[in-house]
Protein backbone atom coordinates (compact mmCIF):
# COMPACT_ATOMS: atom_id res chain seq x y z
CA UNK A 1 0.00 0.00 0.00
CA UNK A 2 2.80 2.44 0.83
CA UNK A 3 4.51 1.52 -2.43
CA UNK A 4 1.32 2.30 -4.40
CA UNK A 5 0.97 5.63 -2.59
CA UNK A 6 4.57 6.55 -3.40
CA UNK A 7 4.18 5.54 -7.07
CA UNK A 8 0.93 7.49 -7.33
CA UNK A 9 2.52 10.58 -5.77
CA UNK A 10 5.58 10.48 -8.02
CA UNK A 11 3.44 9.95 -11.09
CA UNK A 12 1.04 12.73 -10.10
CA UNK A 13 3.94 15.16 -9.79
CA UNK A 14 5.08 14.31 -13.32
CA UNK A 15 1.54 14.56 -14.68
CA UNK A 16 0.99 17.95 -13.05
CA UNK A 17 4.24 19.26 -14.54
CA UNK A 18 3.15 18.03 -17.98
CA UNK A 19 -0.24 19.77 -17.59
CA UNK A 20 1.49 22.97 -16.48
CA UNK A 21 3.84 22.78 -19.50
CA UNK A 22 0.82 22.59 -21.83
CA UNK A 23 -1.02 25.46 -20.15
CA UNK A 24 -1.93 27.99 -22.81
CA UNK A 25 -1.29 25.48 -25.62
CA UNK A 26 -4.00 22.97 -24.76
CA UNK A 27 -7.00 24.13 -22.71
CA UNK A 28 -8.07 22.07 -19.71
CA UNK A 29 -10.89 20.47 -21.69
CA UNK A 30 -8.33 19.17 -24.18
CA UNK A 31 -6.03 17.93 -21.43
CA UNK A 32 -8.89 16.05 -19.77
CA UNK A 33 -10.04 14.51 -23.07
CA UNK A 34 -6.49 13.42 -23.94
CA UNK A 35 -6.06 11.95 -20.45
CA UNK A 36 -9.36 10.06 -20.72
CA UNK A 37 -8.37 8.68 -24.13
CA UNK A 38 -5.02 7.47 -22.80
CA UNK A 39 -6.71 5.84 -19.80
CA UNK A 40 -9.06 3.97 -22.13
CA UNK A 41 -6.38 3.04 -24.65
CA UNK A 42 -3.62 2.02 -22.27
CA UNK A 43 -5.45 0.98 -19.09
CA UNK A 44 -2.30 1.91 -17.16
CA UNK A 45 -1.46 0.79 -13.66
CA UNK A 46 -0.75 2.73 -10.50
CA UNK A 47 2.16 4.92 -11.63
CA UNK A 48 0.98 5.80 -15.15
CA UNK A 49 -2.77 5.71 -14.50
CA UNK A 50 -3.60 7.02 -11.06
CA UNK A 51 -0.30 8.85 -10.89
CA UNK A 52 0.76 10.46 -14.18
CA UNK A 53 -2.64 10.64 -15.89
CA UNK A 54 -4.38 11.48 -12.62
CA UNK A 55 -1.99 14.39 -12.14
CA UNK A 56 -2.20 15.36 -15.81
CA UNK A 57 -5.98 15.66 -15.83
CA UNK A 58 -7.81 17.86 -13.36
CA UNK A 59 -11.30 17.49 -11.99
CA UNK A 60 -10.78 20.17 -9.35
CA UNK A 61 -9.75 22.81 -11.89
CA UNK A 62 -12.67 21.75 -14.10
CA UNK A 63 -15.04 22.28 -11.15
CA UNK A 64 -13.47 25.64 -10.32
CA UNK A 65 -13.65 26.88 -13.92
CA UNK A 66 -17.27 25.76 -14.13
CA UNK A 67 -18.29 27.80 -11.09
CA UNK A 68 -16.59 30.86 -12.59
CA UNK A 69 -18.75 30.82 -15.76
CA UNK A 70 -22.25 32.16 -16.36
CA UNK A 71 -24.86 29.37 -16.10
CA UNK A 72 -25.42 28.73 -19.84
CA UNK A 73 -21.67 28.54 -20.50
CA UNK A 74 -21.10 26.43 -17.39
CA UNK A 75 -23.74 23.93 -18.52
CA UNK A 76 -22.12 23.71 -21.95
CA UNK A 77 -18.67 23.27 -20.44
CA UNK A 78 -19.89 20.49 -18.14
CA UNK A 79 -21.63 18.73 -21.04
CA UNK A 80 -18.61 19.07 -23.33
CA UNK A 81 -16.26 17.78 -20.65
CA UNK A 82 -18.41 14.81 -19.66
CA UNK A 83 -19.27 13.82 -23.23
CA UNK A 84 -15.76 14.45 -24.53
CA UNK A 85 -14.04 12.48 -21.77
CA UNK A 86 -16.41 9.51 -21.87
CA UNK A 87 -16.26 9.40 -25.68
CA UNK A 88 -12.46 9.65 -25.65
CA UNK A 89 -12.14 6.86 -23.08
CA UNK A 90 -14.53 4.67 -25.11
CA UNK A 91 -12.58 5.35 -28.32
CA UNK A 92 -9.33 4.44 -26.58
CA UNK A 93 -10.93 1.23 -25.35
CA UNK A 94 -12.16 0.42 -28.88
CA UNK A 95 -8.74 1.07 -30.41
CA UNK A 96 -7.20 -1.21 -27.79
CA UNK A 97 -9.50 -3.98 -29.03
CA UNK A 98 -11.54 -4.27 -25.84
CA UNK A 99 -14.85 -3.26 -27.44
CA UNK A 100 -16.51 -4.46 -30.63
PDB file of N, CA and C in Angstrom:
ATOM      1  N   UNK A   1       0.823  -1.190   0.000  1.00  0.00           N
ATOM      2  CA  UNK A   1       0.000   0.000   0.000  1.00  0.00           C
ATOM      3  C   UNK A   1       0.872   1.261   0.000  1.00  0.00           C
ATOM      4  N   UNK A   2       1.903   1.283   0.799  1.00  0.00           N
ATOM      5  CA  UNK A   2       2.798   2.437   0.829  1.00  0.00           C
ATOM      6  C   UNK A   2       3.511   2.603  -0.509  1.00  0.00           C
ATOM      7  N   UNK A   3       3.859   1.485  -1.119  1.00  0.00           N
ATOM      8  CA  UNK A   3       4.508   1.518  -2.434  1.00  0.00           C
ATOM      9  C   UNK A   3       3.572   2.148  -3.465  1.00  0.00           C
ATOM     10  N   UNK A   4       2.301   1.728  -3.465  1.00  0.00           N
ATOM     11  CA  UNK A   4       1.324   2.296  -4.399  1.00  0.00           C
ATOM     12  C   UNK A   4       1.146   3.792  -4.166  1.00  0.00           C
ATOM     13  N   UNK A   5       1.111   4.202  -2.912  1.00  0.00           N
ATOM     14  CA  UNK A   5       0.965   5.628  -2.592  1.00  0.00           C
ATOM     15  C   UNK A   5       2.163   6.417  -3.103  1.00  0.00           C
ATOM     16  N   UNK A   6       3.357   5.863  -2.928  1.00  0.00           N
ATOM     17  CA  UNK A   6       4.567   6.549  -3.403  1.00  0.00           C
ATOM     18  C   UNK A   6       4.586   6.631  -4.922  1.00  0.00           C
ATOM     19  N   UNK A   7       4.218   5.533  -5.599  1.00  0.00           N
ATOM     20  CA  UNK A   7       4.176   5.541  -7.068  1.00  0.00           C
ATOM     21  C   UNK A   7       3.133   6.524  -7.583  1.00  0.00           C
ATOM     22  N   UNK A   8       1.980   6.559  -6.931  1.00  0.00           N
ATOM     23  CA  UNK A   8       0.929   7.495  -7.333  1.00  0.00           C
ATOM     24  C   UNK A   8       1.400   8.935  -7.150  1.00  0.00           C
ATOM     25  N   UNK A   9       2.027   9.226  -6.031  1.00  0.00           N
ATOM     26  CA  UNK A   9       2.520  10.580  -5.773  1.00  0.00           C
ATOM     27  C   UNK A   9       3.583  11.020  -6.757  1.00  0.00           C
ATOM     28  N   UNK A  10       4.530  10.151  -7.041  1.00  0.00           N
ATOM     29  CA  UNK A  10       5.577  10.483  -8.020  1.00  0.00           C
ATOM     30  C   UNK A  10       4.983  10.699  -9.408  1.00  0.00           C
ATOM     31  N   UNK A  11       4.084   9.808  -9.791  1.00  0.00           N
ATOM     32  CA  UNK A  11       3.437   9.950 -11.095  1.00  0.00           C
ATOM     33  C   UNK A  11       2.606  11.216 -11.186  1.00  0.00           C
ATOM     34  N   UNK A  12       1.874  11.524 -10.111  1.00  0.00           N
ATOM     35  CA  UNK A  12       1.038  12.728 -10.097  1.00  0.00           C
ATOM     36  C   UNK A  12       1.880  13.987 -10.256  1.00  0.00           C
ATOM     37  N   UNK A  13       3.050  14.002  -9.641  1.00  0.00           N
ATOM     38  CA  UNK A  13       3.942  15.158  -9.789  1.00  0.00           C
ATOM     39  C   UNK A  13       4.360  15.325 -11.245  1.00  0.00           C
ATOM     40  N   UNK A  14       4.706  14.235 -11.899  1.00  0.00           N
ATOM     41  CA  UNK A  14       5.085  14.305 -13.319  1.00  0.00           C
ATOM     42  C   UNK A  14       3.909  14.745 -14.189  1.00  0.00           C
ATOM     43  N   UNK A  15       2.731  14.192 -13.914  1.00  0.00           N
ATOM     44  CA  UNK A  15       1.545  14.562 -14.684  1.00  0.00           C
ATOM     45  C   UNK A  15       1.184  16.028 -14.524  1.00  0.00           C
ATOM     46  N   UNK A  16       1.294  16.537 -13.304  1.00  0.00           N
ATOM     47  CA  UNK A  16       0.988  17.951 -13.053  1.00  0.00           C
ATOM     48  C   UNK A  16       1.975  18.863 -13.774  1.00  0.00           C
ATOM     49  N   UNK A  17       3.238  18.476 -13.808  1.00  0.00           N
ATOM     50  CA  UNK A  17       4.243  19.262 -14.535  1.00  0.00           C
ATOM     51  C   UNK A  17       3.924  19.258 -16.027  1.00  0.00           C
ATOM     52  N   UNK A  18       3.511  18.111 -16.554  1.00  0.00           N
ATOM     53  CA  UNK A  18       3.145  18.029 -17.976  1.00  0.00           C
ATOM     54  C   UNK A  18       1.944  18.926 -18.275  1.00  0.00           C
ATOM     55  N   UNK A  19       0.936  18.907 -17.390  1.00  0.00           N
ATOM     56  CA  UNK A  19      -0.236  19.769 -17.590  1.00  0.00           C
ATOM     57  C   UNK A  19       0.174  21.234 -17.542  1.00  0.00           C
ATOM     58  N   UNK A  20       1.019  21.591 -16.598  1.00  0.00           N
ATOM     59  CA  UNK A  20       1.495  22.967 -16.481  1.00  0.00           C
ATOM     60  C   UNK A  20       2.255  23.379 -17.740  1.00  0.00           C
ATOM     61  N   UNK A  21       3.056  22.475 -18.290  1.00  0.00           N
ATOM     62  CA  UNK A  21       3.836  22.778 -19.496  1.00  0.00           C
ATOM     63  C   UNK A  21       2.930  23.034 -20.695  1.00  0.00           C
ATOM     64  N   UNK A  22       1.754  22.413 -20.714  1.00  0.00           N
ATOM     65  CA  UNK A  22       0.823  22.587 -21.831  1.00  0.00           C
ATOM     66  C   UNK A  22      -0.151  23.737 -21.614  1.00  0.00           C
ATOM     67  N   UNK A  23      -0.109  24.360 -20.456  1.00  0.00           N
ATOM     68  CA  UNK A  23      -1.018  25.460 -20.152  1.00  0.00           C
ATOM     69  C   UNK A  23      -0.869  26.554 -21.202  1.00  0.00           C
ATOM     70  N   UNK A  24      -1.961  26.972 -21.771  1.00  0.00           N
ATOM     71  CA  UNK A  24      -1.926  27.991 -22.814  1.00  0.00           C
ATOM     72  C   UNK A  24      -1.868  27.387 -24.204  1.00  0.00           C
ATOM     73  N   UNK A  25      -1.356  26.166 -24.321  1.00  0.00           N
ATOM     74  CA  UNK A  25      -1.293  25.484 -25.617  1.00  0.00           C
ATOM     75  C   UNK A  25      -2.525  24.603 -25.790  1.00  0.00           C
ATOM     76  N   UNK A  26      -2.866  23.885 -24.747  1.00  0.00           N
ATOM     77  CA  UNK A  26      -4.002  22.968 -24.764  1.00  0.00           C
ATOM     78  C   UNK A  26      -4.885  23.303 -23.568  1.00  0.00           C
ATOM     79  N   UNK A  27      -6.115  23.783 -23.827  1.00  0.00           N
ATOM     80  CA  UNK A  27      -6.999  24.130 -22.710  1.00  0.00           C
ATOM     81  C   UNK A  27      -7.310  22.901 -21.844  1.00  0.00           C
ATOM     82  N   UNK A  28      -7.794  23.150 -20.643  1.00  0.00           N
ATOM     83  CA  UNK A  28      -8.071  22.068 -19.706  1.00  0.00           C
ATOM     84  C   UNK A  28      -9.003  21.018 -20.303  1.00  0.00           C
ATOM     85  N   UNK A  29      -9.994  21.439 -21.064  1.00  0.00           N
ATOM     86  CA  UNK A  29     -10.895  20.467 -21.691  1.00  0.00           C
ATOM     87  C   UNK A  29     -10.099  19.503 -22.562  1.00  0.00           C
ATOM     88  N   UNK A  30      -9.170  20.020 -23.336  1.00  0.00           N
ATOM     89  CA  UNK A  30      -8.332  19.170 -24.184  1.00  0.00           C
ATOM     90  C   UNK A  30      -7.451  18.240 -23.375  1.00  0.00           C
ATOM     91  N   UNK A  31      -6.874  18.748 -22.307  1.00  0.00           N
ATOM     92  CA  UNK A  31      -6.033  17.927 -21.429  1.00  0.00           C
ATOM     93  C   UNK A  31      -6.853  16.778 -20.849  1.00  0.00           C
ATOM     94  N   UNK A  32      -8.053  17.083 -20.364  1.00  0.00           N
ATOM     95  CA  UNK A  32      -8.889  16.049 -19.768  1.00  0.00           C
ATOM     96  C   UNK A  32      -9.336  15.017 -20.798  1.00  0.00           C
ATOM     97  N   UNK A  33      -9.640  15.452 -22.014  1.00  0.00           N
ATOM     98  CA  UNK A  33     -10.038  14.512 -23.071  1.00  0.00           C
ATOM     99  C   UNK A  33      -8.857  13.626 -23.463  1.00  0.00           C
ATOM    100  N   UNK A  34      -7.685  14.209 -23.621  1.00  0.00           N
ATOM    101  CA  UNK A  34      -6.485  13.420 -23.944  1.00  0.00           C
ATOM    102  C   UNK A  34      -6.202  12.416 -22.826  1.00  0.00           C
ATOM    103  N   UNK A  35      -6.288  12.850 -21.587  1.00  0.00           N
ATOM    104  CA  UNK A  35      -6.064  11.951 -20.455  1.00  0.00           C
ATOM    105  C   UNK A  35      -7.061  10.808 -20.420  1.00  0.00           C
ATOM    106  N   UNK A  36      -8.331  11.106 -20.695  1.00  0.00           N
ATOM    107  CA  UNK A  36      -9.358  10.060 -20.716  1.00  0.00           C
ATOM    108  C   UNK A  36      -9.092   9.064 -21.846  1.00  0.00           C
ATOM    109  N   UNK A  37      -8.696   9.572 -23.012  1.00  0.00           N
ATOM    110  CA  UNK A  37      -8.366   8.682 -24.130  1.00  0.00           C
ATOM    111  C   UNK A  37      -7.220   7.742 -23.757  1.00  0.00           C
ATOM    112  N   UNK A  38      -6.176   8.295 -23.176  1.00  0.00           N
ATOM    113  CA  UNK A  38      -5.019   7.473 -22.800  1.00  0.00           C
ATOM    114  C   UNK A  38      -5.382   6.441 -21.731  1.00  0.00           C
ATOM    115  N   UNK A  39      -6.262   6.810 -20.806  1.00  0.00           N
ATOM    116  CA  UNK A  39      -6.712   5.836 -19.805  1.00  0.00           C
ATOM    117  C   UNK A  39      -7.462   4.691 -20.476  1.00  0.00           C
ATOM    118  N   UNK A  40      -8.324   5.011 -21.435  1.00  0.00           N
ATOM    119  CA  UNK A  40      -9.063   3.965 -22.133  1.00  0.00           C
ATOM    120  C   UNK A  40      -8.180   3.120 -23.026  1.00  0.00           C
ATOM    121  N   UNK A  41      -7.256   3.747 -23.700  1.00  0.00           N
ATOM    122  CA  UNK A  41      -6.382   3.038 -24.650  1.00  0.00           C
ATOM    123  C   UNK A  41      -5.359   2.170 -23.940  1.00  0.00           C
ATOM    124  N   UNK A  42      -4.745   2.709 -22.901  1.00  0.00           N
ATOM    125  CA  UNK A  42      -3.620   2.024 -22.270  1.00  0.00           C
ATOM    126  C   UNK A  42      -3.989   1.213 -21.030  1.00  0.00           C
ATOM    127  N   UNK A  43      -5.073   1.596 -20.359  1.00  0.00           N
ATOM    128  CA  UNK A  43      -5.446   0.981 -19.087  1.00  0.00           C
ATOM    129  C   UNK A  43      -4.223   0.838 -18.180  1.00  0.00           C
ATOM    130  N   UNK A  44      -3.561   1.955 -17.913  1.00  0.00           N
ATOM    131  CA  UNK A  44      -2.304   1.906 -17.159  1.00  0.00           C
ATOM    132  C   UNK A  44      -2.505   1.552 -15.690  1.00  0.00           C
ATOM    133  N   UNK A  45      -1.433   1.162 -15.066  1.00  0.00           N
ATOM    134  CA  UNK A  45      -1.460   0.788 -13.656  1.00  0.00           C
ATOM    135  C   UNK A  45      -1.316   1.982 -12.734  1.00  0.00           C
ATOM    136  N   UNK A  46      -0.807   1.720 -11.564  1.00  0.00           N
ATOM    137  CA  UNK A  46      -0.746   2.726 -10.500  1.00  0.00           C
ATOM    138  C   UNK A  46       0.067   3.954 -10.902  1.00  0.00           C
ATOM    139  N   UNK A  47       1.300   3.775 -11.330  1.00  0.00           N
ATOM    140  CA  UNK A  47       2.165   4.918 -11.630  1.00  0.00           C
ATOM    141  C   UNK A  47       1.633   5.728 -12.807  1.00  0.00           C
ATOM    142  N   UNK A  48       1.388   5.075 -13.936  1.00  0.00           N
ATOM    143  CA  UNK A  48       0.980   5.800 -15.148  1.00  0.00           C
ATOM    144  C   UNK A  48      -0.485   6.213 -15.121  1.00  0.00           C
ATOM    145  N   UNK A  49      -1.347   5.405 -14.519  1.00  0.00           N
ATOM    146  CA  UNK A  49      -2.774   5.709 -14.497  1.00  0.00           C
ATOM    147  C   UNK A  49      -3.164   6.678 -13.407  1.00  0.00           C
ATOM    148  N   UNK A  50      -3.232   6.157 -12.191  1.00  0.00           N
ATOM    149  CA  UNK A  50      -3.603   7.016 -11.059  1.00  0.00           C
ATOM    150  C   UNK A  50      -2.604   8.135 -10.855  1.00  0.00           C
ATOM    151  N   UNK A  51      -1.339   7.856 -11.116  1.00  0.00           N
ATOM    152  CA  UNK A  51      -0.297   8.854 -10.894  1.00  0.00           C
ATOM    153  C   UNK A  51      -0.198   9.872 -12.006  1.00  0.00           C
ATOM    154  N   UNK A  52       0.474   9.502 -13.096  1.00  0.00           N
ATOM    155  CA  UNK A  52       0.761  10.459 -14.176  1.00  0.00           C
ATOM    156  C   UNK A  52      -0.522  11.012 -14.793  1.00  0.00           C
ATOM    157  N   UNK A  53      -1.422  10.132 -15.243  1.00  0.00           N
ATOM    158  CA  UNK A  53      -2.637  10.636 -15.890  1.00  0.00           C
ATOM    159  C   UNK A  53      -3.584  11.292 -14.894  1.00  0.00           C
ATOM    160  N   UNK A  54      -3.586  10.820 -13.654  1.00  0.00           N
ATOM    161  CA  UNK A  54      -4.383  11.481 -12.620  1.00  0.00           C
ATOM    162  C   UNK A  54      -3.880  12.886 -12.327  1.00  0.00           C
ATOM    163  N   UNK A  55      -2.566  13.063 -12.342  1.00  0.00           N
ATOM    164  CA  UNK A  55      -1.986  14.393 -12.140  1.00  0.00           C
ATOM    165  C   UNK A  55      -2.091  15.271 -13.373  1.00  0.00           C
ATOM    166  N   UNK A  56      -2.105  14.638 -14.541  1.00  0.00           N
ATOM    167  CA  UNK A  56      -2.202  15.364 -15.809  1.00  0.00           C
ATOM    168  C   UNK A  56      -3.593  15.962 -15.983  1.00  0.00           C
ATOM    169  N   UNK A  57      -4.607  15.171 -15.721  1.00  0.00           N
ATOM    170  CA  UNK A  57      -5.981  15.657 -15.828  1.00  0.00           C
ATOM    171  C   UNK A  57      -6.350  16.378 -14.537  1.00  0.00           C
ATOM    172  N   UNK A  58      -7.452  17.109 -14.565  1.00  0.00           N
ATOM    173  CA  UNK A  58      -7.806  17.856 -13.360  1.00  0.00           C
ATOM    174  C   UNK A  58      -9.310  18.020 -13.229  1.00  0.00           C
ATOM    175  N   UNK A  59      -9.883  17.304 -12.272  1.00  0.00           N
ATOM    176  CA  UNK A  59     -11.296  17.487 -11.985  1.00  0.00           C
ATOM    177  C   UNK A  59     -11.517  18.734 -11.138  1.00  0.00           C
ATOM    178  N   UNK A  60     -10.602  19.009 -10.232  1.00  0.00           N
ATOM    179  CA  UNK A  60     -10.785  20.166  -9.350  1.00  0.00           C
ATOM    180  C   UNK A  60     -10.730  21.478 -10.128  1.00  0.00           C
ATOM    181  N   UNK A  61      -9.818  21.584 -11.083  1.00  0.00           N
ATOM    182  CA  UNK A  61      -9.753  22.805 -11.893  1.00  0.00           C
ATOM    183  C   UNK A  61     -10.982  22.908 -12.785  1.00  0.00           C
ATOM    184  N   UNK A  62     -11.437  21.784 -13.313  1.00  0.00           N
ATOM    185  CA  UNK A  62     -12.673  21.747 -14.104  1.00  0.00           C
ATOM    186  C   UNK A  62     -13.837  22.281 -13.266  1.00  0.00           C
ATOM    187  N   UNK A  63     -13.960  21.817 -12.028  1.00  0.00           N
ATOM    188  CA  UNK A  63     -15.039  22.277 -11.151  1.00  0.00           C
ATOM    189  C   UNK A  63     -14.910  23.770 -10.863  1.00  0.00           C
ATOM    190  N   UNK A  64     -13.702  24.224 -10.598  1.00  0.00           N
ATOM    191  CA  UNK A  64     -13.471  25.644 -10.318  1.00  0.00           C
ATOM    192  C   UNK A  64     -13.826  26.502 -11.529  1.00  0.00           C
ATOM    193  N   UNK A  65     -13.354  26.105 -12.712  1.00  0.00           N
ATOM    194  CA  UNK A  65     -13.649  26.883 -13.918  1.00  0.00           C
ATOM    195  C   UNK A  65     -15.146  26.923 -14.192  1.00  0.00           C
ATOM    196  N   UNK A  66     -15.826  25.822 -13.911  1.00  0.00           N
ATOM    197  CA  UNK A  66     -17.268  25.760 -14.134  1.00  0.00           C
ATOM    198  C   UNK A  66     -17.999  26.760 -13.252  1.00  0.00           C
ATOM    199  N   UNK A  67     -17.603  26.883 -11.999  1.00  0.00           N
ATOM    200  CA  UNK A  67     -18.292  27.804 -11.093  1.00  0.00           C
ATOM    201  C   UNK A  67     -18.000  29.259 -11.429  1.00  0.00           C
ATOM    202  N   UNK A  68     -16.983  29.498 -12.224  1.00  0.00           N
ATOM    203  CA  UNK A  68     -16.590  30.856 -12.588  1.00  0.00           C
ATOM    204  C   UNK A  68     -17.286  31.341 -13.861  1.00  0.00           C
ATOM    205  N   UNK A  69     -18.083  30.467 -14.499  1.00  0.00           N
ATOM    206  CA  UNK A  69     -18.747  30.817 -15.760  1.00  0.00           C
ATOM    207  C   UNK A  69     -20.213  31.152 -15.525  1.00  0.00           C
ATOM    208  N   UNK A  70     -20.806  31.967 -16.416  1.00  0.00           N
ATOM    209  CA  UNK A  70     -22.254  32.164 -16.357  1.00  0.00           C
ATOM    210  C   UNK A  70     -22.958  30.817 -16.594  1.00  0.00           C
ATOM    211  N   UNK A  71     -24.165  30.660 -16.075  1.00  0.00           N
ATOM    212  CA  UNK A  71     -24.858  29.374 -16.101  1.00  0.00           C
ATOM    213  C   UNK A  71     -24.939  28.715 -17.479  1.00  0.00           C
ATOM    214  N   UNK A  72     -25.345  29.417 -18.543  1.00  0.00           N
ATOM    215  CA  UNK A  72     -25.417  28.729 -19.843  1.00  0.00           C
ATOM    216  C   UNK A  72     -24.054  28.197 -20.309  1.00  0.00           C
ATOM    217  N   UNK A  73     -23.011  28.987 -20.111  1.00  0.00           N
ATOM    218  CA  UNK A  73     -21.669  28.541 -20.505  1.00  0.00           C
ATOM    219  C   UNK A  73     -21.185  27.408 -19.607  1.00  0.00           C
ATOM    220  N   UNK A  74     -21.504  27.488 -18.331  1.00  0.00           N
ATOM    221  CA  UNK A  74     -21.103  26.431 -17.395  1.00  0.00           C
ATOM    222  C   UNK A  74     -21.755  25.107 -17.774  1.00  0.00           C
ATOM    223  N   UNK A  75     -23.035  25.153 -18.121  1.00  0.00           N
ATOM    224  CA  UNK A  75     -23.737  23.926 -18.523  1.00  0.00           C
ATOM    225  C   UNK A  75     -23.110  23.334 -19.781  1.00  0.00           C
ATOM    226  N   UNK A  76     -22.775  24.184 -20.732  1.00  0.00           N
ATOM    227  CA  UNK A  76     -22.125  23.706 -21.954  1.00  0.00           C
ATOM    228  C   UNK A  76     -20.750  23.118 -21.683  1.00  0.00           C
ATOM    229  N   UNK A  77     -20.006  23.744 -20.784  1.00  0.00           N
ATOM    230  CA  UNK A  77     -18.666  23.266 -20.438  1.00  0.00           C
ATOM    231  C   UNK A  77     -18.735  21.913 -19.732  1.00  0.00           C
ATOM    232  N   UNK A  78     -19.706  21.772 -18.825  1.00  0.00           N
ATOM    233  CA  UNK A  78     -19.892  20.490 -18.140  1.00  0.00           C
ATOM    234  C   UNK A  78     -20.262  19.411 -19.151  1.00  0.00           C
ATOM    235  N   UNK A  79     -21.211  19.715 -20.036  1.00  0.00           N
ATOM    236  CA  UNK A  79     -21.631  18.728 -21.038  1.00  0.00           C
ATOM    237  C   UNK A  79     -20.478  18.356 -21.965  1.00  0.00           C
ATOM    238  N   UNK A  80     -19.736  19.348 -22.425  1.00  0.00           N
ATOM    239  CA  UNK A  80     -18.611  19.074 -23.329  1.00  0.00           C
ATOM    240  C   UNK A  80     -17.542  18.233 -22.643  1.00  0.00           C
ATOM    241  N   UNK A  81     -17.271  18.535 -21.380  1.00  0.00           N
ATOM    242  CA  UNK A  81     -16.255  17.775 -20.649  1.00  0.00           C
ATOM    243  C   UNK A  81     -16.708  16.339 -20.419  1.00  0.00           C
ATOM    244  N   UNK A  82     -17.923  16.168 -19.930  1.00  0.00           N
ATOM    245  CA  UNK A  82     -18.410  14.811 -19.662  1.00  0.00           C
ATOM    246  C   UNK A  82     -18.512  13.995 -20.944  1.00  0.00           C
ATOM    247  N   UNK A  83     -19.134  14.551 -21.974  1.00  0.00           N
ATOM    248  CA  UNK A  83     -19.271  13.819 -23.233  1.00  0.00           C
ATOM    249  C   UNK A  83     -17.906  13.560 -23.857  1.00  0.00           C
ATOM    250  N   UNK A  84     -17.076  14.592 -23.903  1.00  0.00           N
ATOM    251  CA  UNK A  84     -15.758  14.450 -24.527  1.00  0.00           C
ATOM    252  C   UNK A  84     -14.892  13.419 -23.833  1.00  0.00           C
ATOM    253  N   UNK A  85     -14.885  13.425 -22.512  1.00  0.00           N
ATOM    254  CA  UNK A  85     -14.040  12.480 -21.767  1.00  0.00           C
ATOM    255  C   UNK A  85     -14.553  11.048 -21.872  1.00  0.00           C
ATOM    256  N   UNK A  86     -15.857  10.864 -21.749  1.00  0.00           N
ATOM    257  CA  UNK A  86     -16.406   9.506 -21.872  1.00  0.00           C
ATOM    258  C   UNK A  86     -16.207   8.984 -23.292  1.00  0.00           C
ATOM    259  N   UNK A  87     -16.460   9.824 -24.291  1.00  0.00           N
ATOM    260  CA  UNK A  87     -16.263   9.398 -25.684  1.00  0.00           C
ATOM    261  C   UNK A  87     -14.795   9.087 -25.969  1.00  0.00           C
ATOM    262  N   UNK A  88     -13.897   9.886 -25.439  1.00  0.00           N
ATOM    263  CA  UNK A  88     -12.465   9.652 -25.654  1.00  0.00           C
ATOM    264  C   UNK A  88     -12.018   8.360 -24.985  1.00  0.00           C
ATOM    265  N   UNK A  89     -12.484   8.110 -23.766  1.00  0.00           N
ATOM    266  CA  UNK A  89     -12.138   6.864 -23.080  1.00  0.00           C
ATOM    267  C   UNK A  89     -12.662   5.673 -23.880  1.00  0.00           C
ATOM    268  N   UNK A  90     -13.917   5.755 -24.331  1.00  0.00           N
ATOM    269  CA  UNK A  90     -14.528   4.674 -25.108  1.00  0.00           C
ATOM    270  C   UNK A  90     -13.737   4.429 -26.393  1.00  0.00           C
ATOM    271  N   UNK A  91     -13.362   5.497 -27.095  1.00  0.00           N
ATOM    272  CA  UNK A  91     -12.577   5.352 -28.322  1.00  0.00           C
ATOM    273  C   UNK A  91     -11.237   4.679 -28.029  1.00  0.00           C
ATOM    274  N   UNK A  92     -10.586   5.079 -26.966  1.00  0.00           N
ATOM    275  CA  UNK A  92      -9.335   4.436 -26.579  1.00  0.00           C
ATOM    276  C   UNK A  92      -9.526   2.960 -26.305  1.00  0.00           C
ATOM    277  N   UNK A  93     -10.615   2.623 -25.645  1.00  0.00           N
ATOM    278  CA  UNK A  93     -10.930   1.228 -25.351  1.00  0.00           C
ATOM    279  C   UNK A  93     -11.184   0.446 -26.642  1.00  0.00           C
ATOM    280  N   UNK A  94     -11.899   1.058 -27.584  1.00  0.00           N
ATOM    281  CA  UNK A  94     -12.164   0.418 -28.881  1.00  0.00           C
ATOM    282  C   UNK A  94     -10.857   0.190 -29.630  1.00  0.00           C
ATOM    283  N   UNK A  95     -10.016   1.202 -29.687  1.00  0.00           N
ATOM    284  CA  UNK A  95      -8.744   1.072 -30.407  1.00  0.00           C
ATOM    285  C   UNK A  95      -7.810   0.055 -29.760  1.00  0.00           C
ATOM    286  N   UNK A  96      -7.998  -0.193 -28.482  1.00  0.00           N
ATOM    287  CA  UNK A  96      -7.198  -1.210 -27.792  1.00  0.00           C
ATOM    288  C   UNK A  96      -7.756  -2.611 -28.026  1.00  0.00           C
ATOM    289  N   UNK A  97      -8.905  -2.687 -28.715  1.00  0.00           N
ATOM    290  CA  UNK A  97      -9.500  -3.984 -29.026  1.00  0.00           C
ATOM    291  C   UNK A  97     -10.332  -4.577 -27.905  1.00  0.00           C
ATOM    292  N   UNK A  98     -10.750  -3.760 -26.944  1.00  0.00           N
ATOM    293  CA  UNK A  98     -11.543  -4.274 -25.836  1.00  0.00           C
ATOM    294  C   UNK A  98     -13.039  -4.091 -26.040  1.00  0.00           C
ATOM    295  N   UNK A  99     -13.426  -3.458 -27.110  1.00  0.00           N
ATOM    296  CA  UNK A  99     -14.848  -3.259 -27.437  1.00  0.00           C
ATOM    297  C   UNK A  99     -15.048  -3.613 -28.903  1.00  0.00           C
ATOM    298  N   UNK A 100     -16.234  -4.126 -29.208  1.00  0.00           N
ATOM    299  CA  UNK A 100     -16.514  -4.456 -30.633  1.00  0.00           C
ATOM    300  C   UNK A 100     -16.690  -3.224 -31.488  1.00  0.00           C
TER     301      UNK A 100
END
